[in-house]
Amino acid sequence: MAKMVMAEKMEIPAKGTLEFKPGGLHAMFEKPVAKLQVGDRMQVELLFDHAQKISMDCKVNPANARQFE
């Protein structure tokens, strides 16, 4: 059985990549300010060192998702 562990931060080496995917790294939202439904799209802002930000569009997938679109 897999065990989820919360990560306060993730380090990405210079010129490296980080991939969010079912069965791997993923984001879970606790206590969202709006009700989220499977299929909804939402803007997520990733915060990096030195106040760098990246905004990305994400789709809400079911908890048992095995692949992304």
PDB file of N, CA and C in Angstrom:
ATOM      1  N   MET A   1       0.839  -1.179   0.000  1.00  0.00           N
ATOM      2  CA  MET A   1       0.000   0.000   0.000  1.00  0.00           C
ATOM      3  C   MET A   1       0.885   1.245   0.000  1.00  0.00           C
ATOM      4  N   ALA A   2       0.575   2.191  -0.831  1.00  0.00           N
ATOM      5  CA  ALA A   2       1.340   3.432  -0.915  1.00  0.00           C
ATOM      6  C   ALA A   2       1.019   4.326   0.274  1.00  0.00           C
ATOM      7  N   LYS A   3       1.980   5.128   0.655  1.00  0.00           N
ATOM      8  CA  LYS A   3       1.799   6.055   1.763  1.00  0.00           C
ATOM      9  C   LYS A   3       2.099   7.469   1.270  1.00  0.00           C
ATOM     10  N   MET A   4       1.183   8.400   1.544  1.00  0.00           N
ATOM     11  CA  MET A   4       1.399   9.787   1.139  1.00  0.00           C
ATOM     12  C   MET A   4       2.101  10.535   2.262  1.00  0.00           C
ATOM     13  N   VAL A   5       3.057  11.351   1.876  1.00  0.00           N
ATOM     14  CA  VAL A   5       3.791  12.172   2.827  1.00  0.00           C
ATOM     15  C   VAL A   5       3.779  13.603   2.307  1.00  0.00           C
ATOM     16  N   MET A   6       3.401  14.540   3.177  1.00  0.00           N
ATOM     17  CA  MET A   6       3.366  15.945   2.767  1.00  0.00           C
ATOM     18  C   MET A   6       4.782  16.498   2.639  1.00  0.00           C
ATOM     19  N   ALA A   7       5.022  17.206   1.568  1.00  0.00           N
ATOM     20  CA  ALA A   7       6.321  17.847   1.350  1.00  0.00           C
ATOM     21  C   ALA A   7       6.152  19.355   1.512  1.00  0.00           C
ATOM     22  N   GLU A   8       6.865  19.936   2.439  1.00  0.00           N
ATOM     23  CA  GLU A   8       6.807  21.390   2.635  1.00  0.00           C
ATOM     24  C   GLU A   8       7.433  22.111   1.453  1.00  0.00           C
ATOM     25  N   LYS A   9       8.454  21.502   0.865  1.00  0.00           N
ATOM     26  CA  LYS A   9       9.097  22.083  -0.315  1.00  0.00           C
ATOM     27  C   LYS A   9       9.727  20.973  -1.130  1.00  0.00           C
ATOM     28  N   MET A  10       9.957  21.253  -2.404  1.00  0.00           N
ATOM     29  CA  MET A  10      10.595  20.305  -3.307  1.00  0.00           C
ATOM     30  C   MET A  10      11.731  21.029  -4.002  1.00  0.00           C
ATOM     31  N   GLU A  11      12.863  20.383  -4.060  1.00  0.00           N
ATOM     32  CA  GLU A  11      14.010  20.996  -4.717  1.00  0.00           C
ATOM     33  C   GLU A  11      14.119  20.477  -6.145  1.00  0.00           C
ATOM     34  N   ILE A  12      14.260  21.414  -7.070  1.00  0.00           N
ATOM     35  CA  ILE A  12      14.436  21.085  -8.485  1.00  0.00           C
ATOM     36  C   ILE A  12      15.826  21.562  -8.881  1.00  0.00           C
ATOM     37  N   PRO A  13      16.704  20.671  -9.298  1.00  0.00           N
ATOM     38  CA  PRO A  13      18.049  21.111  -9.672  1.00  0.00           C
ATOM     39  C   PRO A  13      18.012  22.026 -10.894  1.00  0.00           C
ATOM     40  N   ALA A  14      19.039  22.850 -11.030  1.00  0.00           N
ATOM     41  CA  ALA A  14      19.133  23.751 -12.182  1.00  0.00           C
ATOM     42  C   ALA A  14      18.937  22.958 -13.468  1.00  0.00           C
ATOM     43  N   LYS A  15      18.094  23.455 -14.336  1.00  0.00           N
ATOM     44  CA  LYS A  15      17.755  22.834 -15.621  1.00  0.00           C
ATOM     45  C   LYS A  15      17.057  21.488 -15.447  1.00  0.00           C
ATOM     46  N   GLY A  16      16.571  21.198 -14.226  1.00  0.00           N
ATOM     47  CA  GLY A  16      15.874  19.945 -13.958  1.00  0.00           C
ATOM     48  C   GLY A  16      14.380  20.118 -14.168  1.00  0.00           C
ATOM     49  N   THR A  17      13.637  19.073 -13.948  1.00  0.00           N
ATOM     50  CA  THR A  17      12.182  19.110 -14.100  1.00  0.00           C
ATOM     51  C   THR A  17      11.532  18.450 -12.885  1.00  0.00           C
ATOM     52  N   LEU A  18      10.283  18.756 -12.709  1.00  0.00           N
ATOM     53  CA  LEU A  18       9.456  18.151 -11.672  1.00  0.00           C
ATOM     54  C   LEU A  18       8.119  17.863 -12.321  1.00  0.00           C
ATOM     55  N   GLU A  19       7.646  16.629 -12.218  1.00  0.00           N
ATOM     56  CA  GLU A  19       6.403  16.248 -12.881  1.00  0.00           C
ATOM     57  C   GLU A  19       5.375  15.809 -11.849  1.00  0.00           C
ATOM     58  N   PHE A  20       4.177  16.398 -11.930  1.00  0.00           N
ATOM     59  CA  PHE A  20       3.055  15.971 -11.110  1.00  0.00           C
ATOM     60  C   PHE A  20       2.263  14.959 -11.927  1.00  0.00           C
ATOM     61  N   LYS A  21       1.975  13.779 -11.339  1.00  0.00           N
ATOM     62  CA  LYS A  21       1.236  12.763 -12.078  1.00  0.00           C
ATOM     63  C   LYS A  21       0.566  11.797 -11.113  1.00  0.00           C
ATOM     64  N   PRO A  22      -0.510  11.139 -11.563  1.00  0.00           N
ATOM     65  CA  PRO A  22      -1.168  10.147 -10.714  1.00  0.00           C
ATOM     66  C   PRO A  22      -0.173   9.061 -10.300  1.00  0.00           C
ATOM     67  N   GLY A  23      -0.228   8.676  -9.051  1.00  0.00           N
ATOM     68  CA  GLY A  23       0.687   7.655  -8.544  1.00  0.00           C
ATOM     69  C   GLY A  23       2.051   8.217  -8.192  1.00  0.00           C
ATOM     70  N   GLY A  24       2.278   9.482  -8.490  1.00  0.00           N
ATOM     71  CA  GLY A  24       3.549  10.129  -8.178  1.00  0.00           C
ATOM     72  C   GLY A  24       3.279  11.418  -7.425  1.00  0.00           C
ATOM     73  N   LEU A  25       4.062  12.423  -7.724  1.00  0.00           N
ATOM     74  CA  LEU A  25       3.848  13.719  -7.077  1.00  0.00           C
ATOM     75  C   LEU A  25       2.529  14.314  -7.535  1.00  0.00           C
ATOM     76  N   HIS A  26       1.796  14.873  -6.608  1.00  0.00           N
ATOM     77  CA  HIS A  26       0.524  15.513  -6.939  1.00  0.00           C
ATOM     78  C   HIS A  26       0.215  16.553  -5.879  1.00  0.00           C
ATOM     79  N   ALA A  27      -0.718  17.428  -6.186  1.00  0.00           N
ATOM     80  CA  ALA A  27      -1.129  18.464  -5.242  1.00  0.00           C
ATOM     81  C   ALA A  27      -2.507  18.110  -4.703  1.00  0.00           C
ATOM     82  N   MET A  28      -2.662  18.289  -3.404  1.00  0.00           N
ATOM     83  CA  MET A  28      -3.965  18.098  -2.772  1.00  0.00           C
ATOM     84  C   MET A  28      -4.307  19.402  -2.071  1.00  0.00           C
ATOM     85  N   PHE A  29      -5.539  19.841  -2.233  1.00  0.00           N
ATOM     86  CA  PHE A  29      -5.961  21.098  -1.629  1.00  0.00           C
ATOM     87  C   PHE A  29      -6.839  20.809  -0.416  1.00  0.00           C
ATOM     88  N   GLU A  30      -6.377  21.249   0.733  1.00  0.00           N
ATOM     89  CA  GLU A  30      -7.156  21.103   1.957  1.00  0.00           C
ATOM     90  C   GLU A  30      -7.870  22.416   2.224  1.00  0.00           C
ATOM     91  N   LYS A  31      -9.147  22.315   2.543  1.00  0.00           N
ATOM     92  CA  LYS A  31      -9.958  23.479   2.851  1.00  0.00           C
ATOM     93  C   LYS A  31      -9.944  24.527   1.725  1.00  0.00           C
ATOM     94  N   PRO A  32     -10.280  24.138   0.495  1.00  0.00           N
ATOM     95  CA  PRO A  32     -10.320  25.129  -0.589  1.00  0.00           C
ATOM     96  C   PRO A  32     -11.386  26.192  -0.299  1.00  0.00           C
ATOM     97  N   VAL A  33     -11.182  27.385  -0.824  1.00  0.00           N
ATOM     98  CA  VAL A  33     -12.122  28.488  -0.583  1.00  0.00           C
ATOM     99  C   VAL A  33     -13.374  28.373  -1.450  1.00  0.00           C
ATOM    100  N   ALA A  34     -13.326  27.555  -2.492  1.00  0.00           N
ATOM    101  CA  ALA A  34     -14.491  27.323  -3.352  1.00  0.00           C
ATOM    102  C   ALA A  34     -14.638  25.815  -3.548  1.00  0.00           C
ATOM    103  N   LYS A  35     -15.860  25.382  -3.818  1.00  0.00           N
ATOM    104  CA  LYS A  35     -16.096  23.955  -4.040  1.00  0.00           C
ATOM    105  C   LYS A  35     -15.511  23.551  -5.393  1.00  0.00           C
ATOM    106  N   LEU A  36     -14.704  22.501  -5.395  1.00  0.00           N
ATOM    107  CA  LEU A  36     -14.079  22.008  -6.619  1.00  0.00           C
ATOM    108  C   LEU A  36     -14.791  20.739  -7.076  1.00  0.00           C
ATOM    109  N   GLN A  37     -15.053  20.651  -8.355  1.00  0.00           N
ATOM    110  CA  GLN A  37     -15.688  19.480  -8.945  1.00  0.00           C
ATOM    111  C   GLN A  37     -14.716  18.838  -9.931  1.00  0.00           C
ATOM    112  N   VAL A  38     -14.778  17.514 -10.043  1.00  0.00           N
ATOM    113  CA  VAL A  38     -13.959  16.821 -11.033  1.00  0.00           C
ATOM    114  C   VAL A  38     -14.247  17.431 -12.395  1.00  0.00           C
ATOM    115  N   GLY A  39     -13.196  17.750 -13.135  1.00  0.00           N
ATOM    116  CA  GLY A  39     -13.327  18.365 -14.455  1.00  0.00           C
ATOM    117  C   GLY A  39     -13.140  19.871 -14.431  1.00  0.00           C
ATOM    118  N   ASP A  40     -13.286  20.500 -13.251  1.00  0.00           N
ATOM    119  CA  ASP A  40     -13.053  21.946 -13.148  1.00  0.00           C
ATOM    120  C   ASP A  40     -11.610  22.266 -13.507  1.00  0.00           C
ATOM    121  N   ARG A  41     -11.401  23.481 -13.940  1.00  0.00           N
ATOM    122  CA  ARG A  41     -10.046  23.970 -14.208  1.00  0.00           C
ATOM    123  C   ARG A  41      -9.783  25.104 -13.236  1.00  0.00           C
ATOM    124  N   MET A  42      -8.539  25.228 -12.794  1.00  0.00           N
ATOM    125  CA  MET A  42      -8.200  26.289 -11.849  1.00  0.00           C
ATOM    126  C   MET A  42      -6.775  26.760 -12.084  1.00  0.00           C
ATOM    127  N   GLN A  43      -6.528  27.996 -11.746  1.00  0.00           N
ATOM    128  CA  GLN A  43      -5.189  28.560 -11.840  1.00  0.00           C
ATOM    129  C   GLN A  43      -4.453  28.266 -10.541  1.00  0.00           C
ATOM    130  N   VAL A  44      -3.236  27.785 -10.650  1.00  0.00           N
ATOM    131  CA  VAL A  44      -2.384  27.505  -9.493  1.00  0.00           C
ATOM    132  C   VAL A  44      -1.111  28.300  -9.672  1.00  0.00           C
ATOM    133  N   GLU A  45      -0.656  28.907  -8.605  1.00  0.00           N
ATOM    134  CA  GLU A  45       0.578  29.686  -8.639  1.00  0.00           C
ATOM    135  C   GLU A  45       1.636  28.946  -7.839  1.00  0.00           C
ATOM    136  N   LEU A  46       2.750  28.621  -8.489  1.00  0.00           N
ATOM    137  CA  LEU A  46       3.875  27.970  -7.826  1.00  0.00           C
ATOM    138  C   LEU A  46       4.868  29.043  -7.406  1.00  0.00           C
ATOM    139  N   LEU A  47       5.322  28.963  -6.177  1.00  0.00           N
ATOM    140  CA  LEU A  47       6.254  29.952  -5.651  1.00  0.00           C
ATOM    141  C   LEU A  47       7.640  29.334  -5.533  1.00  0.00           C
ATOM    142  N   PHE A  48       8.626  30.027  -6.067  1.00  0.00           N
ATOM    143  CA  PHE A  48       9.996  29.553  -6.042  1.00  0.00           C
ATOM    144  C   PHE A  48      10.855  30.485  -5.201  1.00  0.00           C
ATOM    145  N   ASP A  49      12.079  30.046  -4.924  1.00  0.00           N
ATOM    146  CA  ASP A  49      13.021  30.907  -4.211  1.00  0.00           C
ATOM    147  C   ASP A  49      13.176  32.231  -4.935  1.00  0.00           C
ATOM    148  N   HIS A  50      13.597  33.208  -4.215  1.00  0.00           N
ATOM    149  CA  HIS A  50      13.858  34.550  -4.759  1.00  0.00           C
ATOM    150  C   HIS A  50      12.587  35.182  -5.325  1.00  0.00           C
ATOM    151  N   ALA A  51      11.438  34.834  -4.745  1.00  0.00           N
ATOM    152  CA  ALA A  51      10.134  35.430  -5.082  1.00  0.00           C
ATOM    153  C   ALA A  51       9.701  35.186  -6.523  1.00  0.00           C
ATOM    154  N   GLN A  52      10.224  34.172  -7.178  1.00  0.00           N
ATOM    155  CA  GLN A  52       9.796  33.840  -8.538  1.00  0.00           C
ATOM    156  C   GLN A  52       8.470  33.078  -8.466  1.00  0.00           C
ATOM    157  N   LYS A  53       7.570  33.372  -9.406  1.00  0.00           N
ATOM    158  CA  LYS A  53       6.263  32.730  -9.460  1.00  0.00           C
ATOM    159  C   LYS A  53       5.984  32.228 -10.877  1.00  0.00           C
ATOM    160  N   ILE A  54       5.311  31.108 -10.945  1.00  0.00           N
ATOM    161  CA  ILE A  54       4.836  30.577 -12.227  1.00  0.00           C
ATOM    162  C   ILE A  54       3.365  30.252 -12.042  1.00  0.00           C
ATOM    163  N   SER A  55       2.534  30.699 -12.958  1.00  0.00           N
ATOM    164  CA  SER A  55       1.104  30.417 -12.916  1.00  0.00           C
ATOM    165  C   SER A  55       0.813  29.325 -13.932  1.00  0.00           C
ATOM    166  N   MET A  56      -0.024  28.364 -13.537  1.00  0.00           N
ATOM    167  CA  MET A  56      -0.355  27.289 -14.459  1.00  0.00           C
ATOM    168  C   MET A  56      -1.834  26.929 -14.339  1.00  0.00           C
ATOM    169  N   ASP A  57      -2.387  26.422 -15.409  1.00  0.00           N
ATOM    170  CA  ASP A  57      -3.784  26.001 -15.458  1.00  0.00           C
ATOM    171  C   ASP A  57      -3.826  24.509 -15.148  1.00  0.00           C
ATOM    172  N   CYS A  58      -4.647  24.115 -14.182  1.00  0.00           N
ATOM    173  CA  CYS A  58      -4.738  22.712 -13.782  1.00  0.00           C
ATOM    174  C   CYS A  58      -6.177  22.212 -13.860  1.00  0.00           C
ATOM    175  N   LYS A  59      -6.316  20.927 -14.129  1.00  0.00           N
ATOM    176  CA  LYS A  59      -7.633  20.292 -14.168  1.00  0.00           C
ATOM    177  C   LYS A  59      -7.807  19.465 -12.901  1.00  0.00           C
ATOM    178  N   VAL A  60      -8.982  19.534 -12.291  1.00  0.00           N
ATOM    179  CA  VAL A  60      -9.298  18.729 -11.114  1.00  0.00           C
ATOM    180  C   VAL A  60      -9.636  17.319 -11.586  1.00  0.00           C
ATOM    181  N   ASN A  61      -8.853  16.341 -11.154  1.00  0.00           N
ATOM    182  CA  ASN A  61      -9.044  14.945 -11.525  1.00  0.00           C
ATOM    183  C   ASN A  61      -9.632  14.163 -10.356  1.00  0.00           C
ATOM    184  N   PRO A  62     -10.292  13.038 -10.630  1.00  0.00           N
ATOM    185  CA  PRO A  62     -10.794  12.217  -9.537  1.00  0.00           C
ATOM    186  C   PRO A  62      -9.627  11.604  -8.763  1.00  0.00           C
ATOM    187  N   ALA A  63      -9.885  11.235  -7.517  1.00  0.00           N
ATOM    188  CA  ALA A  63      -8.832  10.679  -6.665  1.00  0.00           C
ATOM    189  C   ALA A  63      -8.210   9.415  -7.260  1.00  0.00           C
ATOM    190  N   ASN A  64      -8.971   8.655  -8.060  1.00  0.00           N
ATOM    191  CA  ASN A  64      -8.461   7.417  -8.639  1.00  0.00           C
ATOM    192  C   ASN A  64      -7.928   7.595 -10.061  1.00  0.00           C
ATOM    193  N   ALA A  65      -7.626   8.804 -10.471  1.00  0.00           N
ATOM    194  CA  ALA A  65      -7.129   9.052 -11.841  1.00  0.00           C
ATOM    195  C   ALA A  65      -5.826   8.288 -12.071  1.00  0.00           C
ATOM    196  N   ARG A  66      -5.678   7.729 -13.224  1.00  0.00           N
ATOM    197  CA  ARG A  66      -4.461   6.997 -13.585  1.00  0.00           C
ATOM    198  C   ARG A  66      -3.675   7.685 -14.703  1.00  0.00           C
ATOM    199  N   GLN A  67      -4.286   8.694 -15.329  1.00  0.00           N
ATOM    200  CA  GLN A  67      -3.583   9.427 -16.381  1.00  0.00           C
ATOM    201  C   GLN A  67      -4.193  10.806 -16.515  1.00  0.00           C
ATOM    202  N   PHE A  68      -3.430  11.686 -17.132  1.00  0.00           N
ATOM    203  CA  PHE A  68      -3.907  13.040 -17.399  1.00  0.00           C
ATOM    204  C   PHE A  68      -4.263  13.141 -18.865  1.00  0.00           C
ATOM    205  N   GLU A  69      -5.011  14.207 -19.201  1.00  0.00           N
ATOM    206  CA  GLU A  69      -5.327  14.482 -20.607  1.00  0.00           C
ATOM    207  C   GLU A  69      -4.077  14.892 -21.328  1.00  0.00           C
TER     208      GLU A  69
END
